[in-house]
Protein backbone atom coordinates (compact mmCIF):
# COMPACT_ATOMS: atom_id res chain seq x y z
CA MET A 1 25.04 -16.36 -0.76
CA ARG A 2 26.44 -17.56 2.56
CA LYS A 3 25.24 -14.58 4.55
CA HIS A 4 21.70 -14.89 3.07
CA ILE A 5 21.59 -18.63 3.99
CA ASN A 6 22.86 -17.92 7.49
CA SER A 7 20.26 -15.14 7.97
CA ALA A 8 17.53 -17.40 6.68
CA LEU A 9 18.63 -20.11 9.12
CA LYS A 10 18.36 -17.73 12.08
CA ILE A 11 14.98 -16.64 11.00
CA LEU A 12 13.67 -20.13 10.39
CA ILE A 13 14.93 -21.31 13.77
CA LYS A 14 12.75 -18.55 15.36
CA ILE A 15 9.80 -19.73 13.33
CA PHE A 16 10.11 -23.52 13.63
CA SER A 17 11.60 -23.73 17.10
CA GLU A 18 10.45 -20.65 18.91
CA LYS A 19 7.07 -20.38 17.19
CA THR A 20 7.58 -16.77 16.15
CA TYR A 21 5.30 -15.43 13.38
CA SER A 22 7.19 -15.21 10.13
CA ASN A 23 6.68 -11.42 9.58
CA MET A 24 8.03 -10.71 13.08
CA ALA A 25 10.96 -13.12 12.65
CA ILE A 26 11.85 -11.62 9.25
CA GLY A 27 11.55 -8.10 10.60
CA SER A 28 13.74 -8.84 13.62
CA GLU A 29 16.63 -9.93 11.37
CA ASN A 30 16.29 -7.03 8.92
CA ALA A 31 16.35 -9.66 6.24
CA SER A 32 17.76 -9.17 2.73
CA ASP A 33 15.53 -9.90 -0.28
CA MET A 34 17.32 -13.27 -0.79
CA SER A 35 16.97 -14.24 2.88
CA ARG A 36 13.32 -13.40 2.78
CA LEU A 37 12.88 -15.42 -0.42
CA LEU A 38 14.58 -18.45 1.21
CA VAL A 39 12.48 -18.15 4.41
CA LEU A 40 9.14 -17.76 2.68
CA GLY A 41 10.10 -20.43 0.10
CA VAL A 42 10.91 -22.98 2.79
CA LEU A 43 7.63 -22.22 4.62
CA ASP A 44 5.62 -22.42 1.41
CA GLU A 45 7.18 -25.75 0.30
CA ASN A 46 7.73 -27.20 3.79
CA VAL A 47 5.52 -30.30 3.28
CA LYS A 48 7.17 -31.11 -0.01
CA ILE A 49 10.71 -30.47 1.32
CA GLU A 50 10.12 -32.68 4.32
CA TYR A 51 8.85 -35.49 2.09
CA ILE A 52 11.99 -35.22 -0.11
CA LEU A 53 14.29 -35.29 2.96
CA SER A 54 12.47 -38.18 4.48
CA SER A 55 13.29 -40.17 1.34
CA LEU A 56 17.01 -39.44 1.74
CA VAL A 57 17.64 -39.78 5.48
CA SER A 58 16.48 -42.56 7.79
CA LYS A 59 16.42 -40.45 10.89
CA LYS A 60 15.42 -36.78 11.19
CA PRO A 61 18.61 -34.79 12.13
CA GLN A 62 19.06 -32.20 14.90
CA ASN A 63 16.82 -29.14 14.36
CA THR A 64 19.46 -26.61 13.14
CA VAL A 65 20.86 -29.14 10.66
CA TYR A 66 17.40 -30.11 9.55
CA ILE A 67 16.39 -26.45 8.92
CA LEU A 68 19.62 -25.91 7.01
CA LEU A 69 18.86 -28.91 4.82
CA LYS A 70 15.40 -27.42 4.11
CA ILE A 71 17.00 -24.14 3.01
CA GLY A 72 19.46 -25.99 0.78
CA THR A 73 16.71 -28.15 -0.68
CA TYR A 74 14.47 -25.26 -1.44
CA ALA A 75 17.41 -23.32 -3.10
CA LEU A 76 18.39 -26.34 -5.22
CA LEU A 77 14.84 -26.81 -6.44
CA ASN A 78 14.09 -23.18 -7.16
CA LEU A 79 17.18 -20.96 -7.54
CA LYS A 80 18.01 -21.75 -11.19
CA ASP A 81 20.46 -18.81 -11.53
CA VAL A 82 22.73 -20.01 -8.65
CA PRO A 83 25.12 -22.95 -9.40
CA THR A 84 24.17 -26.12 -7.49
CA PHE A 85 27.77 -26.58 -6.21
CA ALA A 86 27.63 -23.09 -4.73
CA ILE A 87 24.44 -23.76 -2.86
CA VAL A 88 25.73 -27.01 -1.45
CA SER A 89 29.16 -25.63 -0.42
CA GLU A 90 27.65 -22.55 1.15
CA CYS A 91 25.26 -24.55 3.24
CA VAL A 92 28.21 -26.67 4.39
CA GLU A 93 30.01 -23.50 5.46
CA VAL A 94 26.97 -22.19 7.24
CA ALA A 95 26.77 -25.42 9.17
CA LYS A 96 30.37 -24.88 10.37
CA MET A 97 29.60 -21.29 11.22
CA ASN A 98 26.80 -22.43 13.49
CA GLY A 99 28.89 -24.94 15.47
CA LYS A 100 27.82 -27.97 13.39
CA SER A 101 31.14 -28.86 11.84
CA GLY A 102 30.55 -32.52 12.69
CA ALA A 103 27.41 -32.44 10.51
CA SER A 104 28.97 -30.64 7.62
CA GLY A 105 29.71 -33.92 5.74
CA PHE A 106 26.18 -35.03 6.28
CA VAL A 107 24.79 -31.77 4.91
CA ASN A 108 27.10 -32.03 1.91
CA ALA A 109 26.02 -35.65 1.15
CA VAL A 110 22.33 -35.03 1.48
CA LEU A 111 22.28 -31.89 -0.59
CA LYS A 112 24.27 -33.48 -3.32
CA LYS A 113 21.55 -36.17 -3.55
CA VAL A 114 18.99 -33.56 -3.84
CA ALA A 115 20.96 -31.80 -6.58
CA LYS A 116 21.17 -35.10 -8.51
CA GLY A 117 17.43 -35.74 -8.05
CA GLU A 118 18.08 -38.89 -6.08
CA TYR A 119 14.85 -38.61 -4.14
CA SER A 120 11.32 -39.90 -4.54
CA LEU A 121 7.97 -38.14 -4.90
CA PRO A 122 4.48 -39.62 -4.72
CA LYS A 123 2.76 -40.98 -7.82
CA GLU A 124 -0.53 -39.50 -9.02
CA THR A 125 -2.34 -42.55 -7.72
CA ASP A 126 -0.94 -42.10 -4.21
CA GLU A 127 -3.16 -40.71 -1.50
CA ASN A 128 -0.71 -37.93 -0.57
CA TYR A 129 0.07 -36.87 -4.14
CA LEU A 130 -1.86 -33.53 -3.93
CA SER A 131 -0.45 -32.87 -0.45
CA VAL A 132 3.15 -33.13 -1.60
CA LYS A 133 2.63 -31.57 -5.05
CA PHE A 134 1.08 -28.42 -3.52
CA SER A 135 2.96 -28.71 -0.27
CA LYS A 136 -0.10 -28.58 1.95
CA PRO A 137 -1.04 -30.82 4.95
CA GLN A 138 -2.91 -33.90 4.03
CA TRP A 139 -5.86 -32.93 6.32
CA PHE A 140 -6.08 -29.60 4.60
CA VAL A 141 -6.20 -31.13 1.11
CA GLU A 142 -8.88 -33.65 2.18
CA LYS A 143 -10.97 -30.92 3.79
CA LEU A 144 -10.74 -28.66 0.72
CA VAL A 145 -11.64 -31.50 -1.66
CA LYS A 146 -14.65 -32.45 0.50
CA GLN A 147 -16.08 -28.97 0.62
CA TYR A 148 -15.13 -27.54 -2.83
CA GLY A 149 -14.56 -30.60 -4.96
CA LYS A 150 -11.11 -31.66 -6.46
CA ASP A 151 -11.02 -29.12 -9.25
CA VAL A 152 -11.65 -26.01 -7.11
CA ALA A 153 -9.43 -27.39 -4.32
CA THR A 154 -6.61 -27.79 -6.85
CA GLU A 155 -7.25 -24.18 -8.12
CA ILE A 156 -7.03 -22.91 -4.54
CA MET A 157 -3.79 -24.71 -3.77
CA SER A 158 -2.16 -23.85 -7.08
CA ALA A 159 -2.86 -20.07 -6.96
CA ASP A 160 0.21 -17.96 -7.65
CA VAL A 161 1.96 -16.08 -4.78
CA SER A 162 2.65 -12.38 -5.52
CA ASP A 163 5.31 -10.18 -3.92
CA LYS A 164 3.09 -7.15 -4.38
CA GLU A 165 0.95 -5.31 -1.81
CA HIS A 166 -2.41 -3.65 -1.90
CA ILE A 167 -2.88 -0.10 -0.61
CA ARG A 168 -5.88 2.12 -0.33
CA VAL A 169 -5.90 5.88 -0.15
CA ASN A 170 -6.84 7.91 2.97
CA SER A 171 -9.70 9.79 1.42
CA ARG A 172 -9.74 12.28 4.31
CA ILE A 173 -6.63 13.98 3.21
CA THR A 174 -5.86 13.03 -0.40
CA SER A 175 -7.29 11.33 -3.49
CA LEU A 176 -6.37 8.28 -5.55
CA GLU A 177 -5.38 10.48 -8.49
CA GLU A 178 -3.04 12.60 -6.27
CA VAL A 179 -1.34 9.43 -4.96
CA GLU A 180 -0.97 8.08 -8.44
CA ILE A 181 0.73 11.27 -9.61
CA ARG A 182 3.18 11.06 -6.72
CA LEU A 183 3.95 7.45 -7.35
CA LYS A 184 4.50 8.02 -11.03
CA ARG A 185 6.86 10.91 -10.20
CA GLU A 186 8.84 8.45 -8.00
CA GLY A 187 8.91 5.81 -10.72
CA VAL A 188 6.72 3.35 -8.84
CA LYS A 189 4.71 0.95 -11.12
CA PHE A 190 1.13 0.17 -10.01
CA GLU A 191 -2.22 -0.95 -11.24
CA ARG A 192 -5.72 -0.24 -9.93
CA SER A 193 -7.61 -2.94 -8.15
CA GLU A 194 -11.25 -3.78 -8.41
CA VAL A 195 -11.88 -2.21 -5.00
CA GLY A 196 -10.34 1.21 -5.91
CA GLY A 197 -6.92 0.73 -4.40
CA LEU A 198 -3.57 0.12 -5.94
CA VAL A 199 -1.47 -3.05 -6.43
CA LEU A 200 2.30 -2.42 -6.25
CA LYS A 201 5.57 -3.36 -4.65
CA ALA A 202 6.18 -1.89 -1.19
CA GLU A 203 9.03 0.35 -2.25
CA LYS A 204 10.42 3.27 -0.28
CA PRO A 205 8.11 5.93 -1.79
CA VAL A 206 5.21 3.81 -0.74
CA SER A 207 6.50 3.49 2.76
CA LYS A 208 6.85 7.26 2.91
CA LEU A 209 3.15 7.76 1.87
CA PHE A 210 2.24 5.26 4.60
CA LYS A 211 4.12 7.11 7.28
CA GLU A 212 2.42 10.35 6.25
CA GLY A 213 -0.98 8.67 6.61
CA LEU A 214 -1.84 9.22 2.92
CA VAL A 215 -2.23 5.48 2.27
CA THR A 216 -2.50 2.29 4.20
CA TYR A 217 -1.99 -1.37 3.45
CA GLN A 218 -5.29 -3.23 3.30
CA SER A 219 -6.16 -6.29 1.25
CA PRO A 220 -9.02 -6.13 -1.27
CA SER A 221 -10.80 -8.92 0.60
CA SER A 222 -10.71 -6.92 3.79
CA MET A 223 -12.04 -3.87 2.01
CA ILE A 224 -14.92 -5.83 0.51
CA ALA A 225 -15.95 -6.98 3.98
CA VAL A 226 -16.23 -3.36 5.00
CA LEU A 227 -18.00 -2.18 1.83
CA ALA A 228 -20.53 -5.10 2.20
CA LEU A 229 -21.82 -3.47 5.39
CA GLY A 230 -23.07 -0.45 3.46
CA VAL A 231 -22.70 2.00 6.24
CA LYS A 232 -24.71 5.25 6.12
CA ASP A 233 -23.30 8.50 7.43
CA GLY A 234 -24.57 9.49 10.87
CA GLY A 235 -25.28 5.91 11.98
CA GLN A 236 -23.70 4.33 15.15
CA ILE A 237 -21.04 1.82 14.05
CA LEU A 238 -19.39 -0.97 16.04
CA ASP A 239 -16.24 -2.87 14.94
CA LEU A 240 -16.26 -5.70 17.48
CA CYS A 241 -12.86 -7.39 16.94
CA SER A 242 -11.01 -4.48 15.48
CA ALA A 243 -7.22 -4.60 16.02
CA PRO A 244 -5.06 -3.50 14.36
CA GLY A 245 -7.81 -1.20 13.21
CA GLY A 246 -7.85 -1.14 9.44
CA LYS A 247 -11.50 -1.93 8.98
CA ALA A 248 -12.63 0.51 11.62
CA ILE A 249 -10.60 3.32 10.04
CA PHE A 250 -12.01 2.51 6.64
CA LEU A 251 -15.56 2.59 8.11
CA SER A 252 -14.80 5.93 9.66
CA GLU A 253 -13.83 7.38 6.27
CA LEU A 254 -17.04 5.98 4.58
CA ALA A 255 -19.14 7.58 7.35
CA ARG A 256 -17.29 10.67 8.53
CA ASN A 257 -20.16 11.99 10.62
CA SER A 258 -20.57 8.69 12.42
CA LYS A 259 -18.88 7.50 15.65
CA VAL A 260 -17.09 4.23 15.17
CA THR A 261 -16.51 2.17 18.31
CA ALA A 262 -13.51 -0.14 17.76
CA CYS A 263 -12.95 -2.92 20.32
CA ASP A 264 -10.34 -5.49 21.09
CA ILE A 265 -9.72 -7.85 24.09
CA HIS A 266 -6.04 -7.04 24.72
CA PRO A 267 -4.75 -3.65 25.86
CA HIS A 268 -1.67 -3.72 23.59
CA ARG A 269 -4.05 -4.37 20.61
CA VAL A 270 -6.28 -1.43 21.64
CA LYS A 271 -3.09 0.66 21.44
CA LEU A 272 -2.57 -0.60 17.91
CA ILE A 273 -6.01 0.76 16.97
CA GLU A 274 -5.16 4.07 18.61
CA SER A 275 -1.91 4.31 16.73
CA TYR A 276 -3.60 3.44 13.41
CA LYS A 277 -6.28 6.03 14.20
CA GLU A 278 -3.69 8.78 14.85
CA ARG A 279 -1.70 8.02 11.70
CA MET A 280 -4.84 8.16 9.55
CA LYS A 281 -6.34 11.18 11.35
CA ALA A 282 -9.51 9.21 12.13
CA ASP A 283 -10.96 11.39 14.94
CA ASN A 284 -14.32 9.65 14.89
CA VAL A 285 -12.97 6.33 16.00
CA ASN A 286 -12.99 5.45 19.68
CA ALA A 287 -10.92 2.50 20.71
CA GLU A 288 -12.22 0.41 23.61
CA LEU A 289 -11.13 -2.63 25.59
CA LEU A 290 -13.71 -5.48 25.31
CA ASP A 291 -14.02 -9.16 25.57
CA ALA A 292 -16.46 -9.79 22.73
CA THR A 293 -17.38 -13.24 24.13
CA LYS A 294 -19.10 -11.45 27.06
CA PHE A 295 -22.35 -9.58 26.39
CA LYS A 296 -22.36 -5.86 27.22
CA GLU A 297 -25.86 -5.00 28.33
CA GLU A 298 -25.66 -1.28 27.80
CA TRP A 299 -24.94 -1.84 24.11
CA GLU A 300 -28.11 -3.86 23.42
CA LYS A 301 -29.97 -2.42 20.40
CA LYS A 302 -27.53 0.57 20.34
CA PHE A 303 -25.88 0.23 16.87
CA ASP A 304 -27.10 0.77 13.33
CA PHE A 305 -24.14 -1.19 11.90
CA VAL A 306 -21.92 -3.87 13.38
CA LEU A 307 -18.79 -5.34 11.72
CA LEU A 308 -17.65 -8.66 13.14
CA ASP A 309 -14.40 -9.70 11.49
CA ALA A 310 -14.16 -12.72 13.77
CA PRO A 311 -10.98 -14.28 15.11
CA CYS A 312 -10.46 -17.37 12.81
CA SER A 313 -7.98 -20.00 11.78
CA CYS A 314 -6.73 -17.74 8.90
CA PHE A 315 -6.32 -20.55 6.41
CA GLY A 316 -7.50 -18.24 3.62
CA THR A 317 -4.24 -16.22 3.93
CA PHE A 318 -1.83 -19.09 3.37
CA ARG A 319 -0.31 -17.53 0.27
CA LYS A 320 1.03 -14.57 2.29
CA HIS A 321 1.34 -16.42 5.56
CA PRO A 322 2.49 -19.93 4.79
CA ASP A 323 3.42 -20.39 8.45
CA VAL A 324 -0.25 -20.57 9.28
CA PHE A 325 0.12 -24.36 8.86
CA LEU A 326 2.71 -24.36 11.72
CA SER A 327 0.62 -22.35 14.14
CA ARG A 328 -2.82 -23.91 13.27
CA ASP A 329 -4.16 -27.34 12.43
CA GLU A 330 -7.52 -29.02 11.89
CA SER A 331 -8.09 -29.50 15.62
CA ASP A 332 -8.24 -25.68 16.09
CA ILE A 333 -11.16 -25.16 13.83
CA LYS A 334 -13.85 -26.58 16.14
CA SER A 335 -12.79 -24.58 19.19
CA ILE A 336 -12.43 -21.42 17.21
CA ALA A 337 -15.90 -21.88 15.72
CA GLU A 338 -17.43 -22.15 19.23
CA THR A 339 -15.84 -18.84 20.13
CA GLN A 340 -17.12 -17.27 16.90
CA LYS A 341 -20.69 -18.48 17.65
CA GLN A 342 -20.60 -16.87 21.08
CA ILE A 343 -19.34 -13.54 19.74
CA LEU A 344 -21.86 -13.44 16.90
CA LYS A 345 -24.62 -14.33 19.38
CA ASN A 346 -23.63 -11.14 21.28
CA ALA A 347 -23.04 -9.08 18.15
CA VAL A 348 -26.48 -9.43 16.61
CA ARG A 349 -28.05 -8.28 19.93
CA TYR A 350 -26.15 -4.98 19.62
CA LEU A 351 -28.11 -4.14 16.48
CA LYS A 352 -30.99 -1.82 16.54
CA ASN A 353 -34.24 -2.97 14.84
CA GLY A 354 -33.42 -2.88 11.13
CA GLY A 355 -29.70 -2.69 11.96
CA LYS A 356 -27.21 -4.54 9.77
CA LEU A 357 -24.17 -6.70 10.57
CA VAL A 358 -21.39 -8.20 8.46
CA TYR A 359 -19.74 -11.33 9.69
CA SER A 360 -16.42 -12.10 8.01
CA THR A 361 -13.42 -14.41 8.34
CA CYS A 362 -10.27 -14.94 6.39
CA THR A 363 -10.69 -18.75 6.40
CA LEU A 364 -12.07 -21.27 3.99
CA PHE A 365 -14.13 -23.82 5.87
CA ASP A 366 -17.87 -24.02 6.56
CA GLU A 367 -17.40 -24.75 10.33
CA GLU A 368 -16.14 -21.15 10.85
CA ASN A 369 -18.28 -19.59 8.15
CA ARG A 370 -21.79 -20.76 7.09
CA GLN A 371 -22.31 -22.91 10.17
CA VAL A 372 -21.56 -20.07 12.52
CA VAL A 373 -23.93 -17.71 10.64
CA GLU A 374 -26.58 -20.34 10.66
CA SER A 375 -26.32 -20.57 14.42
CA ALA A 376 -27.32 -16.88 14.65
CA LEU A 377 -30.18 -17.31 12.15
CA GLU A 378 -31.85 -19.90 14.32
CA SER A 379 -33.65 -16.90 15.81
CA LYS A 380 -36.24 -15.65 13.43
CA GLU A 381 -35.38 -12.13 14.50
CA TYR A 382 -32.39 -12.20 12.13
CA ARG A 383 -32.09 -12.96 8.42
CA LEU A 384 -29.60 -12.73 5.59
CA GLU A 385 -29.71 -9.65 3.28
CA LYS A 386 -28.32 -9.69 -0.21
CA ILE A 387 -24.97 -7.94 -0.32
CA ALA A 388 -24.94 -4.89 -2.61
CA PHE A 389 -22.13 -2.48 -3.43
CA GLU A 390 -21.93 1.04 -4.85
CA ASN A 391 -19.01 -0.32 -6.93
CA ASP A 392 -20.40 -1.68 -10.25
CA VAL A 393 -17.52 -4.13 -10.68
CA LEU A 394 -18.11 -5.61 -7.29
CA ASN A 395 -21.86 -5.80 -7.85
CA GLU A 396 -21.24 -7.78 -11.04
CA LYS A 397 -18.75 -9.97 -9.29
CA PHE A 398 -21.16 -10.92 -6.52
CA LYS A 399 -24.50 -10.51 -8.40
CA ASP A 400 -25.80 -13.94 -7.43
CA ASN A 401 -25.06 -13.78 -3.74
CA ASP A 402 -27.68 -14.99 -1.20
CA GLY A 403 -26.46 -12.67 1.66
CA THR A 404 -23.14 -14.60 1.78
CA ALA A 405 -20.02 -14.40 -0.41
CA THR A 406 -16.93 -16.56 -0.54
CA LEU A 407 -13.67 -15.17 -1.94
CA LEU A 408 -11.13 -17.80 -2.87
CA PRO A 409 -7.36 -17.07 -2.53
CA LYS A 410 -6.60 -16.04 -6.06
CA GLY A 411 -5.06 -13.03 -7.82
CA GLN A 412 -5.50 -9.94 -5.61
CA TYR A 413 -7.77 -11.70 -3.14
CA ASP A 414 -7.16 -13.60 0.09
CA GLY A 415 -9.65 -16.32 1.04
CA PHE A 416 -12.54 -14.59 2.76
CA PHE A 417 -16.06 -15.36 3.79
CA ILE A 418 -18.65 -12.55 4.23
CA ALA A 419 -22.27 -12.72 5.43
CA LYS A 420 -24.70 -9.84 5.83
CA ILE A 421 -27.34 -10.15 8.56
CA VAL A 422 -30.18 -7.77 9.24
CA ARG A 423 -32.30 -7.54 12.45
CA SER A 424 -36.08 -7.45 12.04
CA GLN A 425 -37.81 -4.09 12.23
CA ASN A 426 -40.41 -5.50 14.58
CA ASP A 427 -40.12 -5.07 18.35
């Protein structure tokens, strides 16, 4: 247990102190399953853990010690198959290993209080009850309740977290049935998703399929955003904020005789698109460097289809990326929305008459979603078009849409917003 706690400590120091993204920090340490569990658990329950510790200590301790206390607290609250004395003693030893021998007695005393339940939690009548119960920032809770109502907000925050991934098949070179046969042969358990992919654990056989370009990791919500565009083969297609390239490559499979132009603002992210393209053998994708906030005159009225998966606050992905609450807060939403409006203002101008655009985000709030779309619809040249799918299950799921669809973070889905805009046929 000691090595797992120590590894988790190193990773969490990178995340909390050095602002490293969790997936990068975990990858850099080659974390064990237990270390990964501790890291993601602390991030997921950070608000609750900090509340508990604040009731036990009068002054916040030095950062390394504080993070170690968070790990110990999470373990004591959640690891029912590990004796409490073992968790406490191993955390004490890890403190010593990291040059904090002077604080080892403090770590021991605080974690023993946690183990005995000598801490307080808010009452249901307290303003911060939901924040601590679901371990989400107070502003986030209030904003969810205001937009969705208390019942839906509670449903969003209480959604289960899964350790499974979603893959889709590279239809250029294989089929879903062939991949299923191979996975069964390797003993990998899976289930089909509503979007025609597979839900499973990312085991070695899956990684091998990925490296061979037979499958790729892509969330169902992301796939729905692509499918909502309804691309037709032979059309000119633009993916305006493309990196790492998953949506562009999916578009290129749906319309194999079309050229897909996939753009991003940073050179290293354009290289990600090119790498993705090479792995998936997507020869009809052309990666380009572009600042989407600046209008490109030669593209005016050039494209039949435009996908704008806009840069956003990413609060719809908090189940898989709980560190989003460390890197973003409420103040970011307004500035991000202004950038989104500028990009969308340019994006609709790239449409041919009768051309179609999908605007999508992986966030939950109207400022980055409906309000951004409404800013583009101020021009009577553009209107919403009802989203339709070739997939009967998806058509039933979204049968009452008004040209927009909201996916809540639940089950297989990340929180996503999708809007379909069409440009008038008239000159």
